[in-house]
Amino acid sequence: MRGDKRWLANLAVAAASALLFAAAFAGLLWAGASAAQTAQMAPGADSADSADNADLDACRRRLDAGGAQIDRDCLRRVYALPIEQWPRPLTDPGARWSELAPLPRQAPHPPGHPPDPAKVALGKRLFEDPRLSGSGQIACANCHDSELGWGDGRSVPFGHDRQRGRRNAPSVAMSGFAAHLFWDGRASTLEEQVLHPLTDPREMAARPAAVLRALRRDESYRRQYAQAFGSPGIDLARTAQALAGFQRSLVPRFNRFDRFLEGNRGALDDRELWGLHLFRTRARCMNCHSGATLSDDGFHNLGLHFYGRKLQDLGRYEVTGDPADSGKFKTPSLRNVAKTGPWMHNGRFATLRGVVNLYNAGMPRPQPSPQQIGDPLFPQPDPLLHRLDLHRTELEAITAFLETL
């Protein structure tokens, strides 16, 4: 037996040596053949380019086919091209989309309020200070925690006197890029938005006059306000500007997706890249999630309004009074989406894969009861939603891609 083992070991060594010699010899032959082929093809470069283009077109057709598997070589080849040469997004009439792009390093700032480190530092301190609440126990950071994607990890937050909120606390990481704030879009600027939670009786339940008295009594705050604004004085407008400036500084750029868009095509693995392709095409995600922010900043009805039931929430309608807005909620950015669960305006979805499954099914489509037929407020399904019937492996790929954002 021992002799057999020694013989097998010697045979393995000899076989390995032979394979190394063969590989080296083949490499020399390949190099020579490649050089000769290059010399022969130089006069016919145009025909080679035509062949490459034909191969690329064939690759695009293979990617369009869909199914449980993907041609990974074709996938890599197509997405190694500049973004403008990627497969065109599959969108529906009425969709407002723009091409995917890296997130800017700074959020836009209003005129007269440029980025300022002193204002950001003051805003951060205010954001974390429970003295901005009526009880002196709740800070903005209670519901917007940096370790939880600037959300709070709950379906809905707890506020003053442990009152349960009505809607999920959205991440504020992308708030500096949004044209509408809150799930119902009731605020159009961050300076306006930051004051709503302070005075909402369900949230921080503060009285502005009491908050300003507390801040003015603090000598360190007096110095910090003067440094940030260039003159003494603590008022509500300056407080809002500082809080807004801090939120605009929370640009979530440290991710593999931005590196991929900026040219590092190895930043996504094959499954994540497949997910990106599906996101653009068969999953129709760019109907609502596109551009650098991955949001159309619009409002859509996903069938989660619970009309006529205990959990009824009519969203945008409660702001505009327009029946066409009944059941619509703001499209959130997908930046940092894997860190901001639970998801949707009511926080009723605990896993990202569960959300993807729901979109694959076309989302819920509640039908009016006999008493609700003809009711002008009964929310109408969004025409951009479709049953997708994607394969399980495709759904896994989309979820993997979302986790890179």
Protein backbone atom coordinates (compact mmCIF):
# COMPACT_ATOMS: atom_id res chain seq x y z
CA MET A 1 0.00 0.00 0.00
CA ARG A 2 2.82 2.42 0.92
CA GLY A 3 4.54 1.66 -2.41
CA ASP A 4 1.28 2.35 -4.25
CA LYS A 5 1.03 5.76 -2.60
CA ARG A 6 4.64 6.62 -3.46
CA TRP A 7 4.03 5.53 -7.06
CA LEU A 8 0.86 7.66 -7.29
CA ALA A 9 2.70 10.67 -5.86
CA ASN A 10 5.52 10.29 -8.36
CA LEU A 11 3.01 9.93 -11.17
CA ALA A 12 1.22 13.12 -10.05
CA VAL A 13 4.50 15.06 -10.00
CA ALA A 14 5.42 13.80 -13.47
CA ALA A 15 1.94 14.63 -14.81
CA ALA A 16 2.11 18.13 -13.36
CA SER A 17 5.52 18.73 -14.92
CA ALA A 18 4.25 17.53 -18.29
CA LEU A 19 1.22 19.81 -18.06
CA LEU A 20 3.38 22.82 -17.20
CA PHE A 21 5.66 22.10 -20.18
CA ALA A 22 2.65 21.69 -22.49
CA ALA A 23 1.08 24.91 -21.25
CA ALA A 24 4.29 26.86 -21.76
CA PHE A 25 4.74 25.40 -25.27
CA ALA A 26 1.10 26.18 -26.13
CA GLY A 27 1.58 29.71 -24.87
CA LEU A 28 4.51 30.20 -27.24
CA LEU A 29 2.46 28.82 -30.13
CA TRP A 30 -0.51 31.08 -29.17
CA ALA A 31 1.71 34.15 -29.01
CA GLY A 32 3.20 33.36 -32.42
CA ALA A 33 -0.18 32.67 -33.95
CA SER A 34 -1.63 35.87 -32.47
CA ALA A 35 1.22 37.94 -33.87
CA ALA A 36 0.81 36.34 -37.29
CA GLN A 37 -2.94 36.82 -37.17
CA THR A 38 -2.54 40.48 -36.23
CA ALA A 39 -0.16 41.00 -39.14
CA GLN A 40 -2.58 39.30 -41.53
CA MET A 41 -5.64 41.19 -40.25
CA ALA A 42 -4.14 44.68 -40.32
CA PRO A 43 -5.13 45.30 -43.96
CA GLY A 44 -8.68 44.10 -43.21
CA ALA A 45 -9.36 46.08 -40.05
CA ASP A 46 -12.74 47.21 -41.36
CA SER A 47 -13.94 43.65 -41.79
CA ALA A 48 -12.75 42.84 -38.26
CA ASP A 49 -14.68 45.80 -36.90
CA SER A 50 -17.78 44.62 -38.76
CA ALA A 51 -17.39 41.17 -37.27
CA ASP A 52 -17.00 42.66 -33.78
CA ASN A 53 -20.15 44.75 -34.25
CA ALA A 54 -22.06 41.71 -35.46
CA ASP A 55 -20.89 39.76 -32.40
CA LEU A 56 -21.94 42.63 -30.15
CA ASP A 57 -25.39 42.74 -31.76
CA ALA A 58 -25.70 39.00 -31.23
CA CYS A 59 -24.75 39.55 -27.58
CA ARG A 60 -27.46 42.16 -27.16
CA ARG A 61 -30.05 39.77 -28.59
CA ARG A 62 -28.95 37.03 -26.19
CA LEU A 63 -29.30 39.40 -23.26
CA ASP A 64 -32.79 40.40 -24.42
CA ALA A 65 -33.97 36.79 -24.30
CA GLY A 66 -34.11 36.63 -20.49
CA GLY A 67 -34.66 33.46 -18.50
CA ALA A 68 -33.12 31.55 -15.62
CA GLN A 69 -29.57 32.09 -16.87
CA ILE A 70 -27.56 34.81 -18.59
CA ASP A 71 -24.61 34.77 -20.98
CA ARG A 72 -22.06 36.25 -18.59
CA ASP A 73 -19.46 36.92 -21.26
CA CYS A 74 -21.97 38.90 -23.31
CA LEU A 75 -23.14 40.71 -20.19
CA ARG A 76 -19.59 41.82 -19.40
CA ARG A 77 -18.93 42.80 -22.98
CA VAL A 78 -22.03 44.97 -23.35
CA TYR A 79 -21.66 46.70 -19.98
CA ALA A 80 -17.97 47.41 -20.58
CA LEU A 81 -19.17 49.94 -23.15
CA PRO A 82 -19.85 53.61 -22.29
CA ILE A 83 -23.19 54.11 -20.53
CA GLU A 84 -24.81 55.68 -23.59
CA GLN A 85 -24.22 52.38 -25.45
CA TRP A 86 -25.84 50.18 -22.82
CA PRO A 87 -29.22 48.57 -23.64
CA ARG A 88 -31.93 51.22 -23.63
CA PRO A 89 -34.14 51.06 -20.54
CA LEU A 90 -37.51 49.38 -20.97
CA THR A 91 -40.04 52.00 -19.87
CA ASP A 92 -43.71 52.66 -20.45
CA PRO A 93 -45.48 55.70 -21.91
CA GLY A 94 -45.76 58.35 -19.22
CA ALA A 95 -42.57 57.36 -17.42
CA ARG A 96 -40.18 60.25 -16.69
CA TRP A 97 -36.74 58.72 -16.72
CA SER A 98 -33.15 59.82 -17.17
CA GLU A 99 -30.00 57.80 -17.69
CA LEU A 100 -28.20 56.33 -14.69
CA ALA A 101 -25.31 58.49 -13.47
CA PRO A 102 -22.90 58.71 -10.53
CA LEU A 103 -24.22 60.64 -7.58
CA PRO A 104 -22.74 64.16 -7.36
CA ARG A 105 -20.36 64.72 -4.48
CA GLN A 106 -22.54 67.55 -3.15
CA ALA A 107 -26.28 68.03 -2.96
CA PRO A 108 -27.58 71.26 -4.54
CA HIS A 109 -27.80 74.22 -2.17
CA PRO A 110 -30.27 77.12 -2.34
CA PRO A 111 -28.96 80.50 -3.53
CA GLY A 112 -27.23 82.42 -0.77
CA HIS A 113 -26.64 79.29 1.33
CA PRO A 114 -23.45 77.63 0.01
CA PRO A 115 -21.97 74.57 1.76
CA ASP A 116 -20.32 75.71 4.99
CA PRO A 117 -18.51 73.43 7.50
CA ALA A 118 -19.53 75.62 10.45
CA LYS A 119 -23.23 75.38 9.52
CA VAL A 120 -22.94 71.63 8.97
CA ALA A 121 -21.30 71.19 12.40
CA LEU A 122 -24.03 73.28 14.03
CA GLY A 123 -26.72 71.35 12.15
CA LYS A 124 -25.25 68.03 13.29
CA ARG A 125 -25.28 69.15 16.90
CA LEU A 126 -28.90 70.31 16.63
CA PHE A 127 -29.87 67.08 14.86
CA GLU A 128 -28.61 65.08 17.85
CA ASP A 129 -29.90 67.40 20.59
CA PRO A 130 -33.07 66.22 22.43
CA ARG A 131 -33.65 69.78 23.68
CA LEU A 132 -35.36 70.39 20.34
CA SER A 133 -38.31 68.27 21.57
CA GLY A 134 -41.11 69.09 23.97
CA SER A 135 -40.08 66.33 26.36
CA GLY A 136 -36.36 67.04 26.11
CA GLN A 137 -35.88 63.33 25.31
CA ILE A 138 -36.30 63.01 21.51
CA ALA A 139 -33.77 64.18 18.94
CA CYS A 140 -34.00 64.08 15.16
CA ALA A 141 -31.41 61.30 15.35
CA ASN A 142 -33.86 59.08 17.25
CA CYS A 143 -35.74 58.43 14.02
CA HIS A 144 -32.85 59.03 11.62
CA ASP A 145 -29.89 56.98 12.81
CA SER A 146 -26.69 56.94 10.76
CA GLU A 147 -26.17 53.25 11.62
CA LEU A 148 -29.61 52.40 10.20
CA GLY A 149 -29.25 54.14 6.85
CA TRP A 150 -30.57 57.39 8.38
CA GLY A 151 -33.88 55.69 9.20
CA ASP A 152 -34.83 53.97 12.47
CA GLY A 153 -35.30 50.32 11.52
CA ARG A 154 -38.95 50.31 12.65
CA SER A 155 -42.14 49.96 10.65
CA VAL A 156 -43.25 53.30 12.07
CA PRO A 157 -41.41 55.41 14.66
CA PHE A 158 -42.31 56.21 18.25
CA GLY A 159 -42.69 59.88 19.10
CA HIS A 160 -43.82 62.08 21.96
CA ASP A 161 -45.26 60.07 24.90
CA ARG A 162 -44.49 56.89 22.93
CA GLN A 163 -47.15 57.67 20.35
CA ARG A 164 -46.80 55.50 17.24
CA GLY A 165 -46.22 57.38 14.03
CA ARG A 166 -48.45 56.91 11.05
CA ARG A 167 -45.79 56.30 8.38
CA ASN A 168 -42.34 54.80 8.09
CA ALA A 169 -39.49 57.21 8.91
CA PRO A 170 -37.77 57.70 5.53
CA SER A 171 -34.01 57.94 5.26
CA VAL A 172 -32.76 61.53 5.13
CA ALA A 173 -29.51 60.59 3.36
CA MET A 174 -30.84 61.73 -0.03
CA SER A 175 -33.09 64.52 1.20
CA GLY A 176 -30.78 67.18 -0.22
CA PHE A 177 -31.60 66.02 -3.76
CA ALA A 178 -35.39 65.81 -3.38
CA ALA A 179 -37.86 68.30 -4.85
CA HIS A 180 -40.59 66.97 -2.53
CA LEU A 181 -40.11 65.92 1.10
CA PHE A 182 -42.14 63.45 3.20
CA TRP A 183 -44.06 60.51 1.77
CA ASP A 184 -46.88 62.86 0.76
CA GLY A 185 -44.62 65.66 -0.53
CA ARG A 186 -46.00 68.30 1.83
CA ALA A 187 -42.68 70.23 1.97
CA SER A 188 -40.72 71.51 -1.01
CA THR A 189 -37.51 72.62 0.74
CA LEU A 190 -35.38 71.13 3.48
CA GLU A 191 -35.65 74.36 5.45
CA GLU A 192 -39.42 73.85 5.49
CA GLN A 193 -39.22 70.11 6.10
CA VAL A 194 -37.01 70.20 9.20
CA LEU A 195 -39.53 72.24 11.20
CA HIS A 196 -42.46 69.83 10.68
CA PRO A 197 -41.23 67.05 13.03
CA LEU A 198 -40.24 69.58 15.71
CA THR A 199 -43.79 70.85 16.12
CA ASP A 200 -45.80 67.72 15.19
CA PRO A 201 -47.60 66.57 18.39
CA ARG A 202 -47.01 62.94 17.45
CA GLU A 203 -43.30 63.40 16.84
CA MET A 204 -41.18 65.88 18.83
CA ALA A 205 -44.08 68.05 20.08
CA ALA A 206 -41.90 71.11 20.65
CA ARG A 207 -42.96 74.71 21.07
CA PRO A 208 -40.60 76.85 18.98
CA ALA A 209 -40.39 79.60 21.61
CA ALA A 210 -39.32 77.09 24.27
CA VAL A 211 -36.71 75.56 21.97
CA LEU A 212 -35.21 78.98 21.17
CA ARG A 213 -35.09 79.91 24.87
CA ALA A 214 -33.16 76.72 25.64
CA LEU A 215 -30.69 77.31 22.82
CA ARG A 216 -30.15 80.98 23.71
CA ARG A 217 -29.33 80.11 27.31
CA ASP A 218 -26.45 77.91 26.13
CA GLU A 219 -23.29 79.99 25.69
CA SER A 220 -21.67 77.38 23.43
CA TYR A 221 -24.68 77.51 21.09
CA ARG A 222 -24.49 81.32 21.01
CA ARG A 223 -20.86 81.11 19.91
CA GLN A 224 -21.58 78.40 17.35
CA TYR A 225 -24.49 80.28 15.75
CA ALA A 226 -22.37 83.45 15.51
CA GLN A 227 -19.54 81.49 13.89
CA ALA A 228 -21.86 79.75 11.42
CA PHE A 229 -23.82 82.85 10.37
CA GLY A 230 -21.27 85.61 10.87
CA SER A 231 -23.27 87.50 13.49
CA PRO A 232 -24.92 86.83 16.88
CA GLY A 233 -28.49 85.64 17.03
CA ILE A 234 -30.47 82.43 17.38
CA ASP A 235 -33.81 82.21 15.63
CA LEU A 236 -35.98 79.60 13.93
CA ALA A 237 -34.83 80.45 10.38
CA ARG A 238 -31.16 79.98 11.26
CA THR A 239 -31.95 76.77 13.10
CA ALA A 240 -33.75 75.43 10.03
CA GLN A 241 -30.86 76.47 7.75
CA ALA A 242 -28.32 74.68 9.94
CA LEU A 243 -30.38 71.48 10.13
CA ALA A 244 -30.98 71.59 6.37
CA GLY A 245 -27.26 72.16 5.72
CA PHE A 246 -26.38 69.09 7.77
CA GLN A 247 -28.88 66.93 5.90
CA ARG A 248 -27.48 68.12 2.56
CA SER A 249 -24.06 66.88 3.66
CA LEU A 250 -25.25 63.27 3.94
CA VAL A 251 -24.46 62.26 0.36
CA PRO A 252 -24.15 58.43 0.29
CA ARG A 253 -21.43 58.11 -2.35
CA PHE A 254 -19.26 55.36 -0.84
CA ASN A 255 -20.69 52.42 -2.77
CA ARG A 256 -19.69 50.02 -5.51
CA PHE A 257 -22.40 51.17 -7.90
CA ASP A 258 -20.92 54.66 -8.22
CA ARG A 259 -17.46 53.16 -8.74
CA PHE A 260 -18.92 50.98 -11.49
CA LEU A 261 -20.57 53.96 -13.20
CA GLU A 262 -17.32 55.93 -12.97
CA GLY A 263 -15.48 53.27 -14.96
CA ASN A 264 -14.48 50.48 -12.58
CA ARG A 265 -16.39 47.76 -14.41
CA GLY A 266 -15.11 45.13 -12.00
CA ALA A 267 -16.88 46.75 -9.05
CA LEU A 268 -19.98 44.56 -9.61
CA ASP A 269 -19.83 40.78 -9.75
CA ASP A 270 -21.66 38.82 -12.46
CA ARG A 271 -24.90 38.39 -10.52
CA GLU A 272 -25.03 42.06 -9.50
CA LEU A 273 -24.35 43.10 -13.09
CA TRP A 274 -27.15 40.84 -14.27
CA GLY A 275 -29.38 42.56 -11.71
CA LEU A 276 -28.43 45.94 -13.16
CA HIS A 277 -29.33 44.70 -16.65
CA LEU A 278 -32.72 43.43 -15.44
CA PHE A 279 -33.27 46.68 -13.51
CA ARG A 280 -32.89 48.55 -16.80
CA THR A 281 -34.85 46.17 -18.96
CA ARG A 282 -37.28 43.37 -18.16
CA ALA A 283 -37.99 44.48 -14.56
CA ARG A 284 -38.96 47.98 -15.78
CA CYS A 285 -37.52 49.56 -12.61
CA MET A 286 -36.47 52.68 -14.49
CA ASN A 287 -40.12 53.58 -14.97
CA CYS A 288 -39.75 55.24 -11.56
CA HIS A 289 -36.13 54.81 -10.40
CA SER A 290 -33.58 56.46 -12.68
CA GLY A 291 -30.96 59.17 -12.92
CA ALA A 292 -28.27 59.80 -10.34
CA THR A 293 -30.80 59.78 -7.48
CA LEU A 294 -32.64 56.62 -8.63
CA SER A 295 -35.99 58.37 -8.23
CA ASP A 296 -38.37 60.24 -10.53
CA ASP A 297 -39.38 62.37 -7.51
CA GLY A 298 -42.96 61.66 -8.49
CA PHE A 299 -45.96 60.06 -6.77
CA HIS A 300 -47.43 56.64 -7.52
CA ASN A 301 -50.17 54.35 -6.22
CA LEU A 302 -48.75 50.90 -5.47
CA GLY A 303 -52.03 49.49 -4.15
CA LEU A 304 -51.06 49.83 -0.48
CA HIS A 305 -53.67 52.45 0.46
CA PHE A 306 -56.10 50.15 2.39
CA TYR A 307 -59.00 52.31 1.22
CA GLY A 308 -62.03 52.07 3.49
CA ARG A 309 -60.15 49.99 6.08
CA LYS A 310 -58.44 50.61 9.41
CA LEU A 311 -55.03 51.28 7.86
CA GLN A 312 -56.34 53.65 5.16
CA ASP A 313 -53.77 56.21 4.02
CA LEU A 314 -54.47 58.29 0.92
CA GLY A 315 -51.01 59.85 0.76
CA ARG A 316 -50.60 62.77 -1.65
CA TYR A 317 -54.36 63.39 -1.76
CA GLU A 318 -54.23 64.60 1.85
CA VAL A 319 -51.96 67.45 0.69
CA THR A 320 -53.49 68.39 -2.67
CA GLY A 321 -57.16 67.42 -2.26
CA ASP A 322 -57.05 66.13 -5.84
CA PRO A 323 -58.87 62.77 -6.24
CA ALA A 324 -56.30 61.82 -8.90
CA ASP A 325 -53.68 61.79 -6.11
CA SER A 326 -55.61 59.37 -3.90
CA GLY A 327 -53.36 56.56 -2.67
CA LYS A 328 -50.19 57.98 -4.21
CA PHE A 329 -46.90 58.21 -2.34
CA LYS A 330 -43.53 59.70 -3.19
CA THR A 331 -40.99 57.56 -5.05
CA PRO A 332 -38.07 57.17 -2.63
CA SER A 333 -34.49 57.11 -3.81
CA LEU A 334 -33.00 53.62 -3.97
CA ARG A 335 -29.64 54.89 -2.75
CA ASN A 336 -28.73 52.96 0.45
CA VAL A 337 -31.94 50.97 0.00
CA ALA A 338 -30.55 47.76 1.54
CA LYS A 339 -29.92 49.64 4.80
CA THR A 340 -33.26 51.41 5.15
CA GLY A 341 -35.74 48.64 5.89
CA PRO A 342 -38.46 47.94 6.66
CA TRP A 343 -39.80 49.27 3.38
CA MET A 344 -42.73 51.17 1.85
CA HIS A 345 -44.58 54.14 3.33
CA ASN A 346 -46.15 51.93 5.99
CA GLY A 347 -43.01 49.89 6.73
CA ARG A 348 -44.89 46.64 6.36
CA PHE A 349 -42.25 44.80 4.31
CA ALA A 350 -39.41 43.35 6.36
CA THR A 351 -37.14 42.04 3.59
CA LEU A 352 -35.87 43.60 0.39
CA ARG A 353 -36.45 40.34 -1.45
CA GLY A 354 -40.08 40.47 -0.34
CA VAL A 355 -40.43 43.92 -1.93
CA VAL A 356 -38.89 42.60 -5.17
CA ASN A 357 -41.31 39.65 -5.12
CA LEU A 358 -44.24 42.04 -4.76
CA TYR A 359 -43.16 44.09 -7.77
CA ASN A 360 -42.72 40.86 -9.73
CA ALA A 361 -46.38 40.07 -9.03
CA GLY A 362 -47.44 43.52 -10.24
CA MET A 363 -48.22 44.83 -6.72
CA PRO A 364 -51.65 44.52 -5.05
CA ARG A 365 -54.61 45.72 -7.08
CA PRO A 366 -57.50 46.22 -4.62
CA GLN A 367 -60.92 46.24 -6.19
CA PRO A 368 -63.76 48.46 -4.94
CA SER A 369 -66.50 46.85 -2.93
CA PRO A 370 -70.06 47.19 -4.28
CA GLN A 371 -70.50 50.25 -2.04
CA GLN A 372 -67.28 51.82 -3.40
CA ILE A 373 -68.02 51.47 -7.11
CA GLY A 374 -68.09 54.93 -8.61
CA ASP A 375 -66.34 56.46 -5.59
CA PRO A 376 -64.06 59.18 -7.06
CA LEU A 377 -61.58 58.74 -4.20
CA PHE A 378 -61.04 55.01 -4.73
CA PRO A 379 -57.34 54.88 -5.74
CA GLN A 380 -56.65 53.80 -9.30
CA PRO A 381 -53.79 51.37 -10.09
CA ASP A 382 -50.69 53.02 -11.51
CA PRO A 383 -50.38 52.24 -15.24
CA LEU A 384 -46.60 51.83 -14.89
CA LEU A 385 -47.02 48.65 -12.83
CA HIS A 386 -47.04 45.29 -14.61
CA ARG A 387 -46.88 41.64 -13.68
CA LEU A 388 -43.30 40.72 -14.60
CA ASP A 389 -43.13 36.91 -14.18
CA LEU A 390 -39.37 36.96 -13.71
CA HIS A 391 -37.55 33.75 -12.76
CA ARG A 392 -36.36 33.19 -9.19
CA THR A 393 -32.72 33.58 -10.23
CA GLU A 394 -33.56 36.88 -11.91
CA LEU A 395 -35.20 38.15 -8.72
CA GLU A 396 -32.11 37.12 -6.76
CA ALA A 397 -29.93 39.04 -9.21
CA ILE A 398 -32.04 42.21 -8.89
CA THR A 399 -31.89 41.97 -5.09
CA ALA A 400 -28.11 41.54 -5.24
CA PHE A 401 -27.83 44.64 -7.43
CA LEU A 402 -29.99 46.71 -5.06
CA GLU A 403 -27.62 45.78 -2.24
CA THR A 404 -24.75 47.55 -4.07
CA LEU A 405 -26.47 50.93 -4.03
